[in-house]
Amino acid sequence: MNVLFAIDTNTEEVIVSGSPKGSNKVNFIERITRNNNEIFYNAVITLTSITKATHFDVALFKAMDKVCQMIYNKHKETM
């Protein structure tokens, strides 16, 4: 399962979704508010900003995605 992250700037939440490997289907998992985990929210903001860069750097994106995955997994452990 690939975990995907997006930001809802209106509600200041991270939207967490999952996609089975080899599938185009995306399933909603949960929303995490900025107040609930500000470090995670800021990490996903950074991940999103990397995708909007004029010169998209795949290696940088993958590294930041790993950081977001790690923070999300830690978040799940504590909840």
Protein backbone atom coordinates (compact mmCIF):
# COMPACT_ATOMS: atom_id res chain seq x y z
CA MET A 1 0.00 0.00 0.00
CA ASN A 2 1.34 3.42 -0.99
CA VAL A 3 0.35 6.15 1.45
CA LEU A 4 -0.33 9.55 -0.14
CA PHE A 5 -0.53 12.96 1.51
CA ALA A 6 -2.31 16.18 0.58
CA ILE A 7 -2.97 19.46 2.37
CA ASP A 8 -6.40 21.01 2.87
CA THR A 9 -5.44 24.63 3.48
CA ASN A 10 -9.03 25.62 4.31
CA THR A 11 -9.23 23.31 7.34
CA GLU A 12 -5.46 23.09 7.98
CA GLU A 13 -5.52 19.29 7.76
CA VAL A 14 -3.38 16.64 6.15
CA ILE A 15 -5.48 14.27 4.08
CA VAL A 16 -4.02 10.77 4.20
CA SER A 17 -5.00 8.33 1.46
CA GLY A 18 -3.81 4.94 0.35
CA SER A 19 -3.39 3.26 -3.01
CA PRO A 20 -2.76 -0.47 -3.41
CA LYS A 21 0.44 -1.13 -5.38
CA GLY A 22 -0.34 -1.47 -9.07
CA SER A 23 -3.74 0.18 -8.72
CA ASN A 24 -5.07 3.56 -9.82
CA LYS A 25 -7.65 3.54 -7.02
CA VAL A 26 -7.09 5.92 -4.09
CA ASN A 27 -8.85 5.27 -0.76
CA PHE A 28 -9.32 7.87 1.96
CA ILE A 29 -7.68 6.87 5.26
CA GLU A 30 -7.95 9.86 7.60
CA ARG A 31 -7.54 13.60 8.18
CA ILE A 32 -5.02 14.89 10.70
CA THR A 33 -5.38 18.45 11.91
CA ARG A 34 -2.45 20.82 12.15
CA ASN A 35 -3.12 21.17 15.89
CA ASN A 36 -2.94 17.39 16.31
CA ASN A 37 0.51 17.06 14.69
CA GLU A 38 2.11 20.30 13.56
CA ILE A 39 5.42 18.68 12.57
CA PHE A 40 3.61 16.32 10.20
CA TYR A 41 1.53 19.16 8.76
CA ASN A 42 4.65 21.24 8.08
CA ALA A 43 6.45 18.27 6.53
CA VAL A 44 3.59 17.71 4.08
CA ILE A 45 3.57 21.46 3.30
CA THR A 46 7.26 21.09 2.38
CA LEU A 47 6.54 17.97 0.30
CA THR A 48 3.83 19.86 -1.55
CA SER A 49 6.10 22.84 -2.19
CA ILE A 50 8.71 20.53 -3.74
CA THR A 51 6.15 19.40 -6.32
CA LYS A 52 5.46 23.02 -7.27
CA ALA A 53 9.13 23.93 -7.81
CA THR A 54 10.13 25.21 -11.24
CA HIS A 55 12.80 22.51 -11.45
CA PHE A 56 11.20 19.42 -9.90
CA ASP A 57 13.83 17.25 -8.21
CA VAL A 58 12.70 13.61 -7.99
CA ALA A 59 15.40 12.61 -5.50
CA LEU A 60 14.49 15.47 -3.18
CA PHE A 61 10.78 14.61 -3.48
CA LYS A 62 11.43 10.95 -2.62
CA ALA A 63 13.56 11.90 0.37
CA MET A 64 10.90 14.27 1.73
CA ASP A 65 8.19 11.67 1.10
CA LYS A 66 10.19 9.20 3.23
CA VAL A 67 10.34 11.81 6.00
CA CYS A 68 6.55 12.29 5.79
CA GLN A 69 6.01 8.51 5.84
CA MET A 70 8.21 8.19 8.93
CA ILE A 71 6.43 11.00 10.77
CA TYR A 72 3.03 9.54 9.84
CA ASN A 73 4.03 6.07 11.08
CA LYS A 74 5.25 7.57 14.39
CA HIS A 75 1.95 9.46 14.64
CA LYS A 76 -0.02 6.22 14.19
CA GLU A 77 2.04 4.52 16.91
CA THR A 78 1.16 7.20 19.46
CA MET A 79 -2.55 7.34 18.68
